[in-house]
Amino acid sequence: EPSRFDLWRKDLAEWMYEQYGESDDRATAGYVMGWYLHQPG
């Protein structure tokens, strides 16, 4: 269910707003991409 990645990125975007005052689609995608692939690696 790839749409679940969007929910994950939405939660991350909210954290980014709290920390940096704004979010960025590239950053939420980049974070999740690296985080996920790190698990099997």
All heavy atoms as atom14 arrays in JSON, in Angstrom:
{
  "sequence": "EPSRFDLWRKDLAEWMYEQYGESDDRATAGYVMGWYLHQPG",
  "atom14_mask": [
    [1, 1, 1, 1, 1, 1, 1, 1, 1, 0, 0, 0, 0, 0],
    [1, 1, 1, 1, 1, 1, 1, 0, 0, 0, 0, 0, 0, 0],
    [1, 1, 1, 1, 1, 1, 0, 0, 0, 0, 0, 0, 0, 0],
    [1, 1, 1, 1, 1, 1, 1, 1, 1, 1, 1, 0, 0, 0],
    [1, 1, 1, 1, 1, 1, 1, 1, 1, 1, 1, 0, 0, 0],
    [1, 1, 1, 1, 1, 1, 1, 1, 0, 0, 0, 0, 0, 0],
    [1, 1, 1, 1, 1, 1, 1, 1, 0, 0, 0, 0, 0, 0],
    [1, 1, 1, 1, 1, 1, 1, 1, 1, 1, 1, 1, 1, 1],
    [1, 1, 1, 1, 1, 1, 1, 1, 1, 1, 1, 0, 0, 0],
    [1, 1, 1, 1, 1, 1, 1, 1, 1, 0, 0, 0, 0, 0],
    [1, 1, 1, 1, 1, 1, 1, 1, 0, 0, 0, 0, 0, 0],
    [1, 1, 1, 1, 1, 1, 1, 1, 0, 0, 0, 0, 0, 0],
    [1, 1, 1, 1, 1, 0, 0, 0, 0, 0, 0, 0, 0, 0],
    [1, 1, 1, 1, 1, 1, 1, 1, 1, 0, 0, 0, 0, 0],
    [1, 1, 1, 1, 1, 1, 1, 1, 1, 1, 1, 1, 1, 1],
    [1, 1, 1, 1, 1, 1, 1, 1, 0, 0, 0, 0, 0, 0],
    [1, 1, 1, 1, 1, 1, 1, 1, 1, 1, 1, 1, 0, 0],
    [1, 1, 1, 1, 1, 1, 1, 1, 1, 0, 0, 0, 0, 0],
    [1, 1, 1, 1, 1, 1, 1, 1, 1, 0, 0, 0, 0, 0],
    [1, 1, 1, 1, 1, 1, 1, 1, 1, 1, 1, 1, 0, 0],
    [1, 1, 1, 1, 0, 0, 0, 0, 0, 0, 0, 0, 0, 0],
    [1, 1, 1, 1, 1, 1, 1, 1, 1, 0, 0, 0, 0, 0],
    [1, 1, 1, 1, 1, 1, 0, 0, 0, 0, 0, 0, 0, 0],
    [1, 1, 1, 1, 1, 1, 1, 1, 0, 0, 0, 0, 0, 0],
    [1, 1, 1, 1, 1, 1, 1, 1, 0, 0, 0, 0, 0, 0],
    [1, 1, 1, 1, 1, 1, 1, 1, 1, 1, 1, 0, 0, 0],
    [1, 1, 1, 1, 1, 0, 0, 0, 0, 0, 0, 0, 0, 0],
    [1, 1, 1, 1, 1, 1, 1, 0, 0, 0, 0, 0, 0, 0],
    [1, 1, 1, 1, 1, 0, 0, 0, 0, 0, 0, 0, 0, 0],
    [1, 1, 1, 1, 0, 0, 0, 0, 0, 0, 0, 0, 0, 0],
    [1, 1, 1, 1, 1, 1, 1, 1, 1, 1, 1, 1, 0, 0],
    [1, 1, 1, 1, 1, 1, 1, 0, 0, 0, 0, 0, 0, 0],
    [1, 1, 1, 1, 1, 1, 1, 1, 0, 0, 0, 0, 0, 0],
    [1, 1, 1, 1, 0, 0, 0, 0, 0, 0, 0, 0, 0, 0],
    [1, 1, 1, 1, 1, 1, 1, 1, 1, 1, 1, 1, 1, 1],
    [1, 1, 1, 1, 1, 1, 1, 1, 1, 1, 1, 1, 0, 0],
    [1, 1, 1, 1, 1, 1, 1, 1, 0, 0, 0, 0, 0, 0],
    [1, 1, 1, 1, 1, 1, 1, 1, 1, 1, 0, 0, 0, 0],
    [1, 1, 1, 1, 1, 1, 1, 1, 1, 0, 0, 0, 0, 0],
    [1, 1, 1, 1, 1, 1, 1, 0, 0, 0, 0, 0, 0, 0],
    [1, 1, 1, 1, 0, 0, 0, 0, 0, 0, 0, 0, 0, 0]
  ],
  "atom14_positions": [
    [[0.86, -1.2, 0.0], [0.0, 0.0, 0.0], [0.89, 1.24, 0.0], [1.11, 1.85, 1.05], [-0.92, 0.01, 1.22], [-1.89, -1.14, 1.31], [-2.77, -1.03, 2.54], [-3.52, -0.03, 2.63], [-2.68, -1.92, 3.41], [0.0, 0.0, 0.0], [0.0, 0.0, 0.0], [0.0, 0.0, 0.0], [0.0, 0.0, 0.0], [0.0, 0.0, 0.0]],
    [[1.4, 1.63, -1.14], [2.31, 2.78, -1.2], [1.74, 4.06, -0.61], [2.51, 4.93, -0.17], [2.58, 2.93, -2.7], [2.38, 1.55, -3.25], [1.25, 0.98, -2.46], [0.0, 0.0, 0.0], [0.0, 0.0, 0.0], [0.0, 0.0, 0.0], [0.0, 0.0, 0.0], [0.0, 0.0, 0.0], [0.0, 0.0, 0.0], [0.0, 0.0, 0.0]],
    [[0.42, 4.18, -0.55], [-0.18, 5.38, 0.03], [0.19, 5.53, 1.51], [0.14, 6.63, 2.06], [-1.7, 5.35, -0.12], [-2.25, 4.21, 0.54], [0.0, 0.0, 0.0], [0.0, 0.0, 0.0], [0.0, 0.0, 0.0], [0.0, 0.0, 0.0], [0.0, 0.0, 0.0], [0.0, 0.0, 0.0], [0.0, 0.0, 0.0], [0.0, 0.0, 0.0]],
    [[0.59, 4.44, 2.15], [0.99, 4.51, 3.55], [2.31, 5.28, 3.7], [2.58, 5.85, 4.75], [1.11, 3.11, 4.15], [-0.24, 2.39, 4.23], [-0.11, 0.93, 4.62], [0.42, 0.76, 5.96], [0.62, -0.44, 6.52], [0.36, -1.54, 5.83], [1.09, -0.52, 7.76], [0.0, 0.0, 0.0], [0.0, 0.0, 0.0], [0.0, 0.0, 0.0]],
    [[3.1, 5.32, 2.64], [4.3, 6.16, 2.67], [3.91, 7.64, 2.73], [4.6, 8.44, 3.35], [5.16, 5.91, 1.44], [5.96, 4.64, 1.49], [5.68, 3.59, 0.63], [7.0, 4.49, 2.39], [6.43, 2.41, 0.66], [7.76, 3.33, 2.45], [7.46, 2.28, 1.57], [0.0, 0.0, 0.0], [0.0, 0.0, 0.0], [0.0, 0.0, 0.0]],
    [[2.8, 7.99, 2.08], [2.33, 9.38, 2.13], [1.93, 9.76, 3.56], [2.18, 10.89, 4.0], [1.15, 9.58, 1.18], [1.56, 9.58, -0.27], [2.72, 9.93, -0.56], [0.72, 9.24, -1.13], [0.0, 0.0, 0.0], [0.0, 0.0, 0.0], [0.0, 0.0, 0.0], [0.0, 0.0, 0.0], [0.0, 0.0, 0.0], [0.0, 0.0, 0.0]],
    [[1.3, 8.83, 4.28], [0.92, 9.1, 5.67], [2.16, 9.27, 6.53], [2.21, 10.14, 7.4], [0.05, 7.96, 6.2], [-1.29, 7.74, 5.5], [-2.01, 6.53, 6.08], [-2.16, 8.98, 5.62], [0.0, 0.0, 0.0], [0.0, 0.0, 0.0], [0.0, 0.0, 0.0], [0.0, 0.0, 0.0], [0.0, 0.0, 0.0], [0.0, 0.0, 0.0]],
    [[3.15, 8.45, 6.29], [4.43, 8.56, 7.01], [5.06, 9.92, 6.73], [5.5, 10.63, 7.63], [5.32, 7.42, 6.58], [6.62, 7.28, 7.32], [7.1, 8.1, 8.31], [7.61, 6.27, 7.12], [8.34, 7.64, 8.74], [8.68, 6.53, 8.03], [7.72, 5.17, 6.26], [9.82, 5.73, 8.09], [8.85, 4.38, 6.33], [9.88, 4.65, 7.24]],
    [[5.08, 10.31, 5.47], [5.67, 11.59, 5.11], [4.87, 12.76, 5.69], [5.45, 13.8, 6.03], [5.77, 11.71, 3.59], [6.79, 10.75, 2.97], [6.74, 10.8, 1.46], [7.09, 12.14, 0.95], [6.92, 12.51, -0.31], [6.41, 11.66, -1.2], [7.27, 13.73, -0.69], [0.0, 0.0, 0.0], [0.0, 0.0, 0.0], [0.0, 0.0, 0.0]],
    [[3.56, 12.61, 5.81], [2.75, 13.66, 6.42], [3.14, 13.87, 7.88], [3.28, 15.01, 8.34], [1.26, 13.3, 6.31], [0.34, 14.34, 6.91], [-1.13, 13.93, 6.78], [-2.05, 14.96, 7.43], [-3.48, 14.54, 7.35], [0.0, 0.0, 0.0], [0.0, 0.0, 0.0], [0.0, 0.0, 0.0], [0.0, 0.0, 0.0], [0.0, 0.0, 0.0]],
    [[3.31, 12.77, 8.61], [3.75, 12.88, 10.0], [5.13, 13.53, 10.08], [5.39, 14.35, 10.97], [3.8, 11.49, 10.65], [2.42, 10.9, 10.86], [1.44, 11.67, 10.85], [2.33, 9.66, 11.04], [0.0, 0.0, 0.0], [0.0, 0.0, 0.0], [0.0, 0.0, 0.0], [0.0, 0.0, 0.0], [0.0, 0.0, 0.0], [0.0, 0.0, 0.0]],
    [[6.0, 13.18, 9.15], [7.34, 13.76, 9.13], [7.27, 15.25, 8.8], [8.0, 16.06, 9.4], [8.21, 13.03, 8.1], [9.61, 13.58, 7.88], [10.41, 13.61, 9.18], [10.34, 12.74, 6.83], [0.0, 0.0, 0.0], [0.0, 0.0, 0.0], [0.0, 0.0, 0.0], [0.0, 0.0, 0.0], [0.0, 0.0, 0.0], [0.0, 0.0, 0.0]],
    [[6.39, 15.63, 7.88], [6.24, 17.04, 7.53], [5.8, 17.86, 8.74], [6.28, 18.99, 8.95], [5.23, 17.19, 6.4], [0.0, 0.0, 0.0], [0.0, 0.0, 0.0], [0.0, 0.0, 0.0], [0.0, 0.0, 0.0], [0.0, 0.0, 0.0], [0.0, 0.0, 0.0], [0.0, 0.0, 0.0], [0.0, 0.0, 0.0], [0.0, 0.0, 0.0]],
    [[4.93, 17.3, 9.56], [4.49, 18.0, 10.77], [5.66, 18.21, 11.73], [5.81, 19.27, 12.33], [3.37, 17.22, 11.45], [2.08, 17.18, 10.63], [1.01, 16.32, 11.27], [1.3, 15.71, 12.33], [-0.11, 16.26, 10.73], [0.0, 0.0, 0.0], [0.0, 0.0, 0.0], [0.0, 0.0, 0.0], [0.0, 0.0, 0.0], [0.0, 0.0, 0.0]],
    [[6.51, 17.21, 11.84], [7.69, 17.35, 12.7], [8.63, 18.42, 12.13], [9.2, 19.22, 12.88], [8.42, 16.01, 12.81], [9.69, 16.09, 13.59], [9.83, 16.04, 14.94], [11.01, 16.26, 13.05], [11.16, 16.16, 15.29], [11.91, 16.3, 14.15], [11.52, 16.38, 11.76], [13.29, 16.45, 13.98], [12.9, 16.54, 11.59], [13.76, 16.58, 12.69]],
    [[8.78, 18.43, 10.81], [9.65, 19.43, 10.19], [9.13, 20.84, 10.43], [9.91, 21.77, 10.68], [9.79, 19.16, 8.69], [10.66, 17.98, 8.36], [10.79, 17.72, 6.57], [11.98, 16.37, 6.52], [0.0, 0.0, 0.0], [0.0, 0.0, 0.0], [0.0, 0.0, 0.0], [0.0, 0.0, 0.0], [0.0, 0.0, 0.0], [0.0, 0.0, 0.0]],
    [[7.82, 21.02, 10.36], [7.25, 22.34, 10.64], [7.59, 22.78, 12.06], [7.91, 23.95, 12.31], [5.74, 22.31, 10.45], [5.29, 22.58, 9.03], [4.66, 21.58, 8.28], [5.5, 23.82, 8.42], [4.25, 21.8, 6.98], [5.09, 24.06, 7.12], [4.47, 23.05, 6.41], [4.06, 23.28, 5.11], [0.0, 0.0, 0.0], [0.0, 0.0, 0.0]],
    [[7.51, 21.84, 12.99], [7.82, 22.17, 14.38], [9.29, 22.56, 14.54], [9.63, 23.46, 15.32], [7.5, 20.97, 15.28], [6.01, 20.64, 15.37], [5.76, 19.38, 16.18], [6.76, 18.78, 16.67], [4.6, 18.99, 16.34], [0.0, 0.0, 0.0], [0.0, 0.0, 0.0], [0.0, 0.0, 0.0], [0.0, 0.0, 0.0], [0.0, 0.0, 0.0]],
    [[10.17, 21.88, 13.8], [11.6, 22.1, 13.97], [12.15, 23.24, 13.14], [13.04, 23.98, 13.58], [12.35, 20.8, 13.6], [12.02, 19.62, 14.48], [12.46, 19.82, 15.92], [13.59, 20.24, 16.17], [11.59, 19.52, 16.85], [0.0, 0.0, 0.0], [0.0, 0.0, 0.0], [0.0, 0.0, 0.0], [0.0, 0.0, 0.0], [0.0, 0.0, 0.0]],
    [[11.62, 23.4, 11.91], [12.22, 24.33, 10.95], [11.28, 25.43, 10.45], [11.71, 26.31, 9.71], [12.76, 23.56, 9.74], [13.82, 22.54, 10.1], [13.5, 21.19, 10.22], [15.14, 22.93, 10.34], [14.47, 20.24, 10.55], [16.11, 22.0, 10.68], [15.77, 20.67, 10.79], [16.73, 19.74, 11.13], [0.0, 0.0, 0.0], [0.0, 0.0, 0.0]],
    [[10.02, 25.34, 10.82], [9.06, 26.35, 10.39], [8.44, 26.08, 9.04], [7.52, 26.78, 8.62], [0.0, 0.0, 0.0], [0.0, 0.0, 0.0], [0.0, 0.0, 0.0], [0.0, 0.0, 0.0], [0.0, 0.0, 0.0], [0.0, 0.0, 0.0], [0.0, 0.0, 0.0], [0.0, 0.0, 0.0], [0.0, 0.0, 0.0], [0.0, 0.0, 0.0]],
    [[8.95, 25.09, 8.33], [8.36, 24.67, 7.06], [8.84, 23.26, 6.72], [9.76, 22.73, 7.35], [8.71, 25.63, 5.93], [10.18, 25.7, 5.58], [10.46, 26.68, 4.47], [10.38, 27.91, 4.71], [10.78, 26.22, 3.36], [0.0, 0.0, 0.0], [0.0, 0.0, 0.0], [0.0, 0.0, 0.0], [0.0, 0.0, 0.0], [0.0, 0.0, 0.0]],
    [[8.19, 22.69, 5.73], [8.57, 21.35, 5.28], [8.94, 21.42, 3.8], [8.87, 22.48, 3.18], [7.41, 20.38, 5.5], [7.75, 19.09, 5.06], [0.0, 0.0, 0.0], [0.0, 0.0, 0.0], [0.0, 0.0, 0.0], [0.0, 0.0, 0.0], [0.0, 0.0, 0.0], [0.0, 0.0, 0.0], [0.0, 0.0, 0.0], [0.0, 0.0, 0.0]],
    [[9.31, 20.29, 3.24], [9.68, 20.23, 1.83], [9.45, 18.81, 1.34], [9.87, 17.85, 1.99], [11.16, 20.61, 1.65], [11.55, 20.7, 0.18], [11.81, 19.65, -0.43], [11.56, 21.83, -0.35], [0.0, 0.0, 0.0], [0.0, 0.0, 0.0], [0.0, 0.0, 0.0], [0.0, 0.0, 0.0], [0.0, 0.0, 0.0], [0.0, 0.0, 0.0]],
    [[8.76, 18.68, 0.21], [8.44, 17.35, -0.31], [9.68, 16.53, -0.6], [9.7, 15.31, -0.4], [7.6, 17.47, -1.6], [6.17, 17.86, -1.31], [5.76, 17.79, -0.14], [5.46, 18.24, -2.26], [0.0, 0.0, 0.0], [0.0, 0.0, 0.0], [0.0, 0.0, 0.0], [0.0, 0.0, 0.0], [0.0, 0.0, 0.0], [0.0, 0.0, 0.0]],
    [[10.72, 17.19, -1.09], [11.96, 16.45, -1.38], [12.58, 15.89, -0.1], [13.08, 14.76, -0.07], [12.97, 17.34, -2.1], [12.57, 17.75, -3.5], [13.47, 18.86, -4.01], [13.31, 20.08, -3.22], [14.05, 21.17, -3.36], [15.02, 21.2, -4.26], [13.83, 22.25, -2.62], [0.0, 0.0, 0.0], [0.0, 0.0, 0.0], [0.0, 0.0, 0.0]],
    [[12.53, 16.69, 0.96], [13.12, 16.26, 2.22], [12.33, 15.11, 2.85], [12.91, 14.15, 3.35], [13.23, 17.43, 3.18], [0.0, 0.0, 0.0], [0.0, 0.0, 0.0], [0.0, 0.0, 0.0], [0.0, 0.0, 0.0], [0.0, 0.0, 0.0], [0.0, 0.0, 0.0], [0.0, 0.0, 0.0], [0.0, 0.0, 0.0], [0.0, 0.0, 0.0]],
    [[11.0, 15.21, 2.84], [10.23, 14.11, 3.43], [10.45, 12.82, 2.64], [10.58, 11.74, 3.22], [8.73, 14.43, 3.48], [8.21, 14.67, 2.17], [8.45, 15.64, 4.37], [0.0, 0.0, 0.0], [0.0, 0.0, 0.0], [0.0, 0.0, 0.0], [0.0, 0.0, 0.0], [0.0, 0.0, 0.0], [0.0, 0.0, 0.0], [0.0, 0.0, 0.0]],
    [[10.51, 12.93, 1.32], [10.77, 11.74, 0.51], [12.18, 11.22, 0.73], [12.4, 10.0, 0.84], [10.55, 12.06, -0.97], [0.0, 0.0, 0.0], [0.0, 0.0, 0.0], [0.0, 0.0, 0.0], [0.0, 0.0, 0.0], [0.0, 0.0, 0.0], [0.0, 0.0, 0.0], [0.0, 0.0, 0.0], [0.0, 0.0, 0.0], [0.0, 0.0, 0.0]],
    [[13.15, 12.13, 0.83], [14.54, 11.71, 1.02], [14.76, 11.04, 2.36], [15.47, 10.02, 2.45], [0.0, 0.0, 0.0], [0.0, 0.0, 0.0], [0.0, 0.0, 0.0], [0.0, 0.0, 0.0], [0.0, 0.0, 0.0], [0.0, 0.0, 0.0], [0.0, 0.0, 0.0], [0.0, 0.0, 0.0], [0.0, 0.0, 0.0], [0.0, 0.0, 0.0]],
    [[14.17, 11.6, 3.4], [14.29, 10.99, 4.73], [13.71, 9.58, 4.72], [14.36, 8.62, 5.17], [13.51, 11.81, 5.75], [14.25, 12.94, 6.43], [14.87, 13.95, 5.73], [14.26, 13.02, 7.82], [15.51, 15.01, 6.37], [14.89, 14.06, 8.48], [15.52, 15.06, 7.75], [16.14, 16.1, 8.39], [0.0, 0.0, 0.0], [0.0, 0.0, 0.0]],
    [[12.46, 9.45, 4.27], [11.77, 8.15, 4.31], [12.5, 7.13, 3.44], [12.64, 5.96, 3.81], [10.3, 8.31, 3.9], [9.64, 6.95, 3.65], [9.54, 9.07, 4.98], [0.0, 0.0, 0.0], [0.0, 0.0, 0.0], [0.0, 0.0, 0.0], [0.0, 0.0, 0.0], [0.0, 0.0, 0.0], [0.0, 0.0, 0.0], [0.0, 0.0, 0.0]],
    [[12.97, 7.56, 2.29], [13.71, 6.67, 1.4], [14.92, 6.06, 2.12], [15.13, 4.85, 2.11], [14.17, 7.44, 0.16], [15.06, 6.69, -0.8], [15.45, 7.68, -2.28], [16.44, 9.03, -1.55], [0.0, 0.0, 0.0], [0.0, 0.0, 0.0], [0.0, 0.0, 0.0], [0.0, 0.0, 0.0], [0.0, 0.0, 0.0], [0.0, 0.0, 0.0]],
    [[15.72, 6.93, 2.74], [16.91, 6.44, 3.43], [16.57, 5.62, 4.66], [17.2, 4.58, 4.93], [0.0, 0.0, 0.0], [0.0, 0.0, 0.0], [0.0, 0.0, 0.0], [0.0, 0.0, 0.0], [0.0, 0.0, 0.0], [0.0, 0.0, 0.0], [0.0, 0.0, 0.0], [0.0, 0.0, 0.0], [0.0, 0.0, 0.0], [0.0, 0.0, 0.0]],
    [[15.6, 6.08, 5.44], [15.21, 5.36, 6.64], [14.75, 3.94, 6.32], [15.15, 2.99, 7.0], [14.09, 6.1, 7.35], [14.51, 7.32, 8.11], [15.78, 7.68, 8.48], [13.65, 8.35, 8.59], [15.75, 8.86, 9.17], [14.47, 9.31, 9.26], [12.27, 8.57, 8.53], [13.94, 10.45, 9.85], [11.74, 9.71, 9.13], [12.58, 10.64, 9.78]],
    [[13.91, 3.82, 5.3], [13.38, 2.49, 4.98], [14.51, 1.57, 4.53], [14.65, 0.45, 5.02], [12.3, 2.58, 3.9], [11.71, 1.21, 3.62], [10.56, 0.78, 4.28], [12.33, 0.33, 2.73], [10.05, -0.49, 4.06], [11.83, -0.95, 2.52], [10.69, -1.35, 3.18], [10.2, -2.62, 2.98], [0.0, 0.0, 0.0], [0.0, 0.0, 0.0]],
    [[15.31, 2.01, 3.58], [16.34, 1.15, 3.02], [17.42, 0.8, 4.04], [18.1, -0.23, 3.92], [16.97, 1.83, 1.8], [16.06, 1.91, 0.58], [16.62, 2.9, -0.45], [15.88, 0.53, -0.05], [0.0, 0.0, 0.0], [0.0, 0.0, 0.0], [0.0, 0.0, 0.0], [0.0, 0.0, 0.0], [0.0, 0.0, 0.0], [0.0, 0.0, 0.0]],
    [[17.57, 1.63, 5.06], [18.54, 1.33, 6.11], [18.16, 0.08, 6.89], [19.05, -0.62, 7.41], [18.63, 2.52, 7.06], [19.58, 2.31, 8.21], [20.92, 2.04, 8.05], [19.36, 2.3, 9.56], [21.5, 1.91, 9.23], [20.57, 2.05, 10.17], [0.0, 0.0, 0.0], [0.0, 0.0, 0.0], [0.0, 0.0, 0.0], [0.0, 0.0, 0.0]],
    [[16.87, -0.23, 6.98], [16.45, -1.37, 7.83], [17.0, -2.71, 7.32], [17.68, -3.41, 8.06], [14.93, -1.4, 7.98], [14.3, -0.1, 8.48], [15.03, 0.48, 9.68], [15.19, -0.18, 10.7], [15.49, 1.72, 9.55], [0.0, 0.0, 0.0], [0.0, 0.0, 0.0], [0.0, 0.0, 0.0], [0.0, 0.0, 0.0], [0.0, 0.0, 0.0]],
    [[16.74, -3.1, 6.07], [17.36, -4.35, 5.61], [18.87, -4.26, 5.5], [19.58, -5.25, 5.74], [16.71, -4.59, 4.24], [16.24, -3.25, 3.78], [15.85, -2.52, 5.04], [0.0, 0.0, 0.0], [0.0, 0.0, 0.0], [0.0, 0.0, 0.0], [0.0, 0.0, 0.0], [0.0, 0.0, 0.0], [0.0, 0.0, 0.0], [0.0, 0.0, 0.0]],
    [[19.4, -3.07, 5.17], [20.84, -2.92, 5.05], [21.56, -3.09, 6.37], [22.6, -3.77, 6.45], [0.0, 0.0, 0.0], [0.0, 0.0, 0.0], [0.0, 0.0, 0.0], [0.0, 0.0, 0.0], [0.0, 0.0, 0.0], [0.0, 0.0, 0.0], [0.0, 0.0, 0.0], [0.0, 0.0, 0.0], [0.0, 0.0, 0.0], [0.0, 0.0, 0.0]]
  ]
}
